[in-house]
Amino acid sequence: MILIASLHRDYVQESLASIASQSLDPTVRELIVLCDYEDPEFHEKVRTIGGRVVRVAPGPFGPKIAAALGQARGEVLCFLEDDDRFTPNKLEEVDHAFRSDPELVFLRNSYSVIDGTGRTRPNHPFRAAERAAAHRLGSRVFLPGPGLEFLREMPPIGLAFNSSCMSIRKEVLGRFLSVVNIANLRVLDHLLFFAALAARQSLRVEARPLTEYRVHARNISMGGGTAGDLVSQRAAWSRLVLPSYETLLQAAISLKDPALVREAEGLLEVQRAYALLREGGRSAAALRAARRSVRGRRDTYAVRSEPQLPYALALFAWFPWLGRSIYRGKIRALATE
């Protein structure tokens, strides 16, 4: 169990409390807290519940995860970001799933949405269609196969979203890290997902919400509270993380895995397209070219998970003022606490 304590000191106590209240016998779980700041009181609370603090430098996830792998003794790694929470049965369910299936290398559970106060928001618009699709799909086990065929039939459920919903075998993640330049890697959820795909072993989708994902104004996925208006915040975030998606593509290429390369290309094109939309002032020709690139990879899971993106690119190309107005409105709705 790895808790990443970095940006959200006002929420991390709730994250830690959700770990302390787990139904799993605490003697069979290990807690490592990756912390990039000094807080003796918080560190003492970690030790009180049997965890240990590993001091890491502020910045990208990559070096932090490498530090965790060097410290972890268990076979399975669960992750929790410091503004999210686990349900009381999370670790027990994960432990049971991996013990029951020796071939299982990755588990991605569903989540419920909470707001800045910790209140459950079942009707919040944040990724509502994906959450509904995950509920309809139910709990399933998939074998990726050489061509990652299962992704062609997988509905858009946000399979690669939110590391707090992900558990992975340590050996599988370590193997993938050996081919990734992790120095500046900032996308933990996609790192875990691609490590699991590369292993070509069983993946489990768990429909039960075992994680509580907090939607608030300083979500990393919403720009992380950087300076500027809502669109500018997301533009700054795109500039910061886009090289990480390029790094994942290079890792797939180094593995000589055509199916994984194709998925990484689709993911990168999606992120490039969103960066264009967020930056503003882009030419209509650039937006139309991005639309062609996205549509040319519509067989990939990342592109199929963003059906609105080609239409947004067309709208921004022809009516940029209208596109940005609609986009701002959607972001404001998502950021509502």
Protein backbone atom coordinates (compact mmCIF):
# COMPACT_ATOMS: atom_id res chain seq x y z
CA MET A 1 0.00 0.00 0.00
CA ILE A 2 1.56 3.27 -1.19
CA LEU A 3 0.18 6.65 -0.15
CA ILE A 4 1.54 9.59 -2.14
CA ALA A 5 1.59 12.63 0.17
CA SER A 6 2.46 15.72 -1.81
CA LEU A 7 0.03 18.42 -2.90
CA HIS A 8 -3.00 18.10 -0.65
CA ARG A 9 -1.97 18.41 2.97
CA ASP A 10 -5.51 19.49 3.88
CA TYR A 11 -6.92 16.15 2.68
CA VAL A 12 -4.12 13.68 3.43
CA GLN A 13 -5.34 13.05 6.99
CA GLU A 14 -8.57 11.66 5.53
CA SER A 15 -6.58 9.48 3.14
CA LEU A 16 -4.52 8.11 6.00
CA ALA A 17 -7.62 7.54 8.15
CA SER A 18 -9.19 5.51 5.33
CA ILE A 19 -6.14 3.24 5.38
CA ALA A 20 -6.17 2.92 9.16
CA SER A 21 -9.83 1.81 9.07
CA GLN A 22 -9.31 -1.03 6.58
CA SER A 23 -10.96 -4.39 7.34
CA LEU A 24 -7.84 -6.25 6.19
CA ASP A 25 -5.67 -7.52 9.04
CA PRO A 26 -3.04 -4.78 9.47
CA THR A 27 -0.36 -7.40 10.09
CA VAL A 28 -0.62 -8.60 6.49
CA ARG A 29 -0.49 -5.21 4.84
CA GLU A 30 2.45 -2.88 4.39
CA LEU A 31 2.10 0.91 4.30
CA ILE A 32 4.66 3.14 2.62
CA VAL A 33 4.01 6.89 2.58
CA LEU A 34 5.96 8.79 -0.08
CA CYS A 35 6.17 12.30 1.36
CA ASP A 36 7.89 15.30 -0.19
CA TYR A 37 7.54 17.63 2.80
CA GLU A 38 8.42 17.64 6.49
CA ASP A 39 5.53 17.23 8.94
CA PRO A 40 6.58 15.48 12.18
CA GLU A 41 2.99 15.16 13.45
CA PHE A 42 1.77 13.53 10.24
CA HIS A 43 4.82 11.27 10.08
CA GLU A 44 4.16 10.13 13.64
CA LYS A 45 0.56 9.25 12.73
CA VAL A 46 1.88 7.12 9.88
CA ARG A 47 4.15 5.24 12.26
CA THR A 48 1.32 4.83 14.77
CA ILE A 49 -0.67 2.74 12.30
CA GLY A 50 2.35 0.66 11.34
CA GLY A 51 3.50 2.56 8.26
CA ARG A 52 6.80 4.11 7.35
CA VAL A 53 7.58 7.39 5.68
CA VAL A 54 9.96 7.58 2.74
CA ARG A 55 11.10 11.12 2.01
CA VAL A 56 11.17 11.94 -1.70
CA ALA A 57 11.88 15.07 -3.71
CA PRO A 58 8.94 17.18 -4.93
CA GLY A 59 8.13 16.79 -8.60
CA PRO A 60 7.29 13.99 -11.03
CA PHE A 61 5.80 10.64 -10.01
CA GLY A 62 8.47 8.55 -11.73
CA PRO A 63 11.32 8.84 -9.20
CA LYS A 64 8.83 8.51 -6.34
CA ILE A 65 7.50 5.22 -7.67
CA ALA A 66 11.03 3.94 -8.22
CA ALA A 67 11.72 4.76 -4.55
CA ALA A 68 8.59 2.86 -3.50
CA LEU A 69 9.61 -0.22 -5.47
CA GLY A 70 12.95 -0.17 -3.72
CA GLN A 71 11.21 -0.15 -0.33
CA ALA A 72 8.19 -2.42 -0.86
CA ARG A 73 8.38 -6.01 0.34
CA GLY A 74 4.96 -7.23 -0.78
CA GLU A 75 3.95 -8.74 -4.12
CA VAL A 76 1.04 -6.40 -4.89
CA LEU A 77 1.08 -2.60 -4.88
CA CYS A 78 -2.00 -0.44 -4.24
CA PHE A 79 -1.83 3.32 -4.68
CA LEU A 80 -3.68 6.17 -3.01
CA GLU A 81 -3.26 9.82 -3.88
CA ASP A 82 -3.52 12.27 -1.01
CA ASP A 83 -6.91 13.75 -1.87
CA ASP A 84 -8.69 10.41 -2.34
CA ARG A 85 -9.93 7.79 0.13
CA PHE A 86 -10.39 4.02 0.24
CA THR A 87 -13.62 2.32 1.29
CA PRO A 88 -13.09 0.15 4.41
CA ASN A 89 -13.04 -3.11 2.41
CA LYS A 90 -10.69 -1.96 -0.39
CA LEU A 91 -7.51 -3.75 0.67
CA GLU A 92 -9.35 -6.89 1.73
CA GLU A 93 -11.00 -7.16 -1.69
CA VAL A 94 -7.72 -6.54 -3.51
CA ASP A 95 -5.90 -9.08 -1.37
CA HIS A 96 -8.60 -11.69 -2.05
CA ALA A 97 -8.58 -11.05 -5.81
CA PHE A 98 -4.82 -11.49 -6.20
CA ARG A 99 -4.63 -14.49 -3.88
CA SER A 100 -7.46 -16.18 -5.77
CA ASP A 101 -5.89 -15.71 -9.21
CA PRO A 102 -2.11 -16.22 -9.48
CA GLU A 103 -2.26 -15.00 -13.11
CA LEU A 104 -3.86 -11.68 -12.18
CA VAL A 105 -1.44 -8.77 -12.60
CA PHE A 106 -3.71 -5.71 -12.53
CA LEU A 107 -6.98 -4.75 -10.88
CA ARG A 108 -8.88 -1.56 -11.59
CA ASN A 109 -11.88 -0.94 -9.32
CA SER A 110 -14.67 1.59 -9.75
CA TYR A 111 -14.99 4.72 -7.65
CA SER A 112 -17.58 7.04 -6.19
CA VAL A 113 -17.24 10.82 -6.33
CA ILE A 114 -16.85 12.95 -3.22
CA ASP A 115 -16.54 16.72 -3.02
CA GLY A 116 -14.14 18.99 -1.17
CA THR A 117 -15.98 18.42 2.11
CA GLY A 118 -15.89 14.63 1.74
CA ARG A 119 -19.59 14.36 0.93
CA THR A 120 -20.62 11.67 -1.58
CA ARG A 121 -21.92 13.14 -4.86
CA PRO A 122 -23.52 10.26 -6.82
CA ASN A 123 -25.01 12.59 -9.46
CA HIS A 124 -21.90 14.68 -10.05
CA PRO A 125 -21.21 15.11 -13.79
CA PHE A 126 -17.53 14.16 -13.46
CA ARG A 127 -16.99 11.25 -15.88
CA ALA A 128 -20.60 10.25 -15.27
CA ALA A 129 -20.95 8.32 -18.55
CA GLU A 130 -17.81 6.30 -17.79
CA ARG A 131 -18.97 5.46 -14.29
CA ALA A 132 -22.35 4.34 -15.61
CA ALA A 133 -20.66 2.20 -18.28
CA ALA A 134 -18.48 0.55 -15.63
CA HIS A 135 -21.57 -0.32 -13.62
CA ARG A 136 -23.23 -1.87 -16.67
CA LEU A 137 -20.10 -3.87 -17.56
CA GLY A 138 -19.84 -5.41 -14.10
CA SER A 139 -16.85 -7.25 -12.68
CA ARG A 140 -14.86 -9.05 -15.36
CA VAL A 141 -11.46 -10.65 -15.95
CA PHE A 142 -9.75 -10.11 -19.30
CA LEU A 143 -6.73 -11.69 -20.97
CA PRO A 144 -5.18 -9.00 -23.19
CA GLY A 145 -3.86 -11.29 -25.94
CA PRO A 146 -1.10 -10.42 -28.42
CA GLY A 147 -3.14 -7.76 -30.20
CA LEU A 148 -4.81 -6.36 -27.07
CA GLU A 149 -8.06 -7.47 -28.64
CA PHE A 150 -10.11 -6.96 -25.48
CA LEU A 151 -9.66 -3.19 -25.76
CA ARG A 152 -11.57 -3.19 -29.06
CA GLU A 153 -14.67 -4.39 -27.22
CA MET A 154 -14.13 -2.60 -23.90
CA PRO A 155 -16.67 0.20 -23.38
CA PRO A 156 -15.30 3.60 -22.33
CA ILE A 157 -15.13 3.10 -18.56
CA GLY A 158 -12.00 5.16 -17.84
CA LEU A 159 -9.93 2.00 -17.56
CA ALA A 160 -6.66 3.96 -17.42
CA PHE A 161 -7.93 6.74 -15.15
CA ASN A 162 -7.05 7.31 -11.48
CA SER A 163 -4.16 5.47 -9.86
CA SER A 164 -6.12 5.37 -6.58
CA CYS A 165 -8.30 2.73 -8.27
CA MET A 166 -5.35 0.60 -9.40
CA SER A 167 -3.45 -2.35 -7.96
CA ILE A 168 -0.60 -4.11 -9.75
CA ARG A 169 1.93 -6.85 -9.10
CA LYS A 170 5.24 -5.31 -8.13
CA GLU A 171 7.23 -7.56 -10.47
CA VAL A 172 5.17 -6.43 -13.48
CA LEU A 173 5.62 -2.74 -12.71
CA GLY A 174 9.34 -3.20 -12.05
CA ARG A 175 9.78 -4.96 -15.39
CA PHE A 176 8.11 -2.08 -17.26
CA LEU A 177 10.07 0.57 -15.38
CA SER A 178 13.26 -0.97 -16.74
CA VAL A 179 12.34 0.35 -20.22
CA VAL A 180 10.83 3.71 -19.19
CA ASN A 181 12.74 6.93 -18.68
CA ILE A 182 11.05 7.79 -15.41
CA ALA A 183 13.03 10.93 -14.54
CA ASN A 184 10.23 13.31 -15.57
CA LEU A 185 7.24 10.98 -15.73
CA ARG A 186 4.10 12.64 -14.35
CA VAL A 187 1.25 10.27 -15.27
CA LEU A 188 1.07 7.46 -12.73
CA ASP A 189 -2.27 5.99 -13.82
CA HIS A 190 -1.21 5.51 -17.45
CA LEU A 191 2.17 4.18 -16.34
CA LEU A 192 0.45 1.44 -14.31
CA PHE A 193 -2.01 0.68 -17.10
CA PHE A 194 0.65 0.33 -19.79
CA ALA A 195 2.82 -1.81 -17.49
CA ALA A 196 -0.15 -4.15 -17.10
CA LEU A 197 -0.90 -4.24 -20.84
CA ALA A 198 2.74 -5.05 -21.61
CA ALA A 199 2.62 -8.08 -19.29
CA ARG A 200 -0.14 -9.77 -21.36
CA GLN A 201 -1.59 -11.47 -18.28
CA SER A 202 -4.98 -11.31 -16.60
CA LEU A 203 -6.53 -7.92 -15.86
CA ARG A 204 -9.57 -7.51 -13.62
CA VAL A 205 -12.20 -4.81 -13.82
CA GLU A 206 -14.06 -4.54 -10.51
CA ALA A 207 -17.45 -2.83 -10.71
CA ARG A 208 -17.73 -2.18 -6.98
CA PRO A 209 -16.58 1.32 -5.97
CA LEU A 210 -13.67 0.66 -3.61
CA THR A 211 -12.20 4.17 -3.98
CA GLU A 212 -13.61 7.61 -3.26
CA TYR A 213 -12.32 10.11 -5.80
CA ARG A 214 -12.39 13.73 -4.65
CA VAL A 215 -13.46 16.36 -7.17
CA HIS A 216 -12.27 19.81 -6.14
CA ALA A 217 -10.76 22.92 -7.67
CA ARG A 218 -7.18 21.74 -7.17
CA ASN A 219 -7.51 18.32 -8.80
CA ILE A 220 -4.39 17.57 -10.81
CA SER A 221 -6.60 16.48 -13.71
CA MET A 222 -8.22 19.93 -13.65
CA GLY A 223 -4.97 21.83 -13.76
CA GLY A 224 -3.81 21.40 -10.19
CA GLY A 225 -4.78 24.90 -9.12
CA THR A 226 -2.09 26.59 -11.22
CA ALA A 227 -2.40 30.31 -11.91
CA GLY A 228 -4.84 31.63 -14.49
CA ASP A 229 -8.42 30.93 -15.53
CA LEU A 230 -9.82 27.39 -15.77
CA VAL A 231 -8.78 26.85 -19.39
CA SER A 232 -5.32 28.34 -18.82
CA GLN A 233 -4.81 26.04 -15.83
CA ARG A 234 -5.52 23.01 -17.97
CA ALA A 235 -3.29 24.35 -20.74
CA ALA A 236 -0.41 24.65 -18.27
CA TRP A 237 -1.05 21.10 -17.11
CA SER A 238 -1.03 19.82 -20.71
CA ARG A 239 2.34 21.45 -21.34
CA LEU A 240 3.69 19.83 -18.20
CA VAL A 241 2.48 16.27 -18.83
CA LEU A 242 2.59 15.92 -22.61
CA PRO A 243 6.25 14.72 -22.55
CA SER A 244 5.17 11.87 -20.24
CA TYR A 245 2.89 10.46 -22.94
CA GLU A 246 5.75 10.70 -25.42
CA THR A 247 7.87 8.75 -22.91
CA LEU A 248 5.26 5.99 -22.70
CA LEU A 249 5.24 5.74 -26.50
CA GLN A 250 9.03 5.40 -26.54
CA ALA A 251 8.78 2.63 -23.92
CA ALA A 252 6.27 0.74 -26.09
CA ILE A 253 8.55 1.14 -29.12
CA SER A 254 11.52 -0.19 -27.15
CA LEU A 255 9.50 -3.31 -26.28
CA LYS A 256 8.87 -3.92 -30.01
CA ASP A 257 5.19 -4.41 -29.23
CA PRO A 258 3.07 -3.15 -32.17
CA ALA A 259 -0.26 -3.32 -30.35
CA LEU A 260 1.11 -1.44 -27.35
CA VAL A 261 2.70 1.13 -29.67
CA ARG A 262 -0.65 1.67 -31.38
CA GLU A 263 -2.40 2.26 -28.05
CA ALA A 264 0.35 4.66 -26.95
CA GLU A 265 0.03 6.56 -30.24
CA GLY A 266 -3.72 6.92 -29.73
CA LEU A 267 -3.22 8.17 -26.19
CA LEU A 268 -0.59 10.67 -27.29
CA GLU A 269 -2.79 12.03 -30.10
CA VAL A 270 -5.67 12.53 -27.66
CA GLN A 271 -3.43 14.45 -25.27
CA ARG A 272 -1.95 16.55 -28.09
CA ALA A 273 -5.45 17.42 -29.28
CA TYR A 274 -6.54 18.52 -25.82
CA ALA A 275 -3.39 20.60 -25.50
CA LEU A 276 -4.32 22.40 -28.74
CA LEU A 277 -7.85 23.08 -27.52
CA ARG A 278 -6.62 24.43 -24.21
CA GLU A 279 -3.86 26.65 -25.59
CA GLY A 280 -6.12 28.81 -27.74
CA GLY A 281 -5.00 30.95 -30.65
CA ARG A 282 -4.23 27.89 -32.76
CA SER A 283 -4.87 27.98 -36.49
CA ALA A 284 -7.84 26.21 -37.99
CA ALA A 285 -5.40 24.17 -40.07
CA ALA A 286 -3.64 22.86 -36.94
CA LEU A 287 -6.95 21.90 -35.36
CA ARG A 288 -8.12 20.13 -38.54
CA ALA A 289 -4.81 18.25 -38.70
CA ALA A 290 -5.24 17.17 -35.09
CA ARG A 291 -8.75 15.96 -35.88
CA ARG A 292 -7.42 13.83 -38.74
CA SER A 293 -4.72 12.37 -36.46
CA VAL A 294 -7.27 11.49 -33.79
CA ARG A 295 -9.73 9.97 -36.26
CA GLY A 296 -6.91 7.99 -37.85
CA ARG A 297 -6.44 6.18 -34.50
CA ARG A 298 -10.08 5.60 -33.66
CA ASP A 299 -9.38 1.89 -33.22
CA THR A 300 -7.46 2.64 -30.02
CA TYR A 301 -9.05 2.66 -26.59
CA ALA A 302 -7.93 6.19 -25.78
CA VAL A 303 -9.59 7.67 -28.88
CA ARG A 304 -12.75 5.57 -28.52
CA SER A 305 -13.01 6.84 -24.95
CA GLU A 306 -13.20 10.45 -26.23
CA PRO A 307 -16.05 10.38 -28.79
CA GLN A 308 -16.65 14.11 -28.39
CA LEU A 309 -13.07 15.10 -29.21
CA PRO A 310 -13.27 15.17 -33.06
CA TYR A 311 -16.40 17.33 -32.81
CA ALA A 312 -14.71 19.67 -30.34
CA LEU A 313 -11.73 20.06 -32.67
CA ALA A 314 -14.05 20.91 -35.56
CA LEU A 315 -15.99 23.41 -33.43
CA PHE A 316 -12.79 25.13 -32.26
CA ALA A 317 -11.54 25.28 -35.85
CA TRP A 318 -14.65 27.00 -37.18
CA PHE A 319 -15.96 28.91 -34.15
CA PRO A 320 -13.13 29.24 -31.60
CA TRP A 321 -14.97 31.74 -29.39
CA LEU A 322 -17.97 29.41 -29.11
CA GLY A 323 -15.77 26.38 -28.49
CA ARG A 324 -13.91 28.04 -25.64
CA SER A 325 -17.13 29.34 -24.12
CA ILE A 326 -18.67 25.86 -24.08
CA TYR A 327 -15.43 24.35 -22.76
CA ARG A 328 -15.23 26.85 -19.89
CA GLY A 329 -18.81 26.05 -18.93
CA LYS A 330 -18.12 22.32 -18.79
CA ILE A 331 -15.01 22.84 -16.65
CA ARG A 332 -16.91 25.06 -14.23
CA ALA A 333 -19.58 22.36 -13.84
CA LEU A 334 -16.94 19.74 -13.09
CA ALA A 335 -15.14 21.91 -10.56
CA THR A 336 -18.28 22.59 -8.54
CA GLU A 337 -17.86 21.33 -4.99
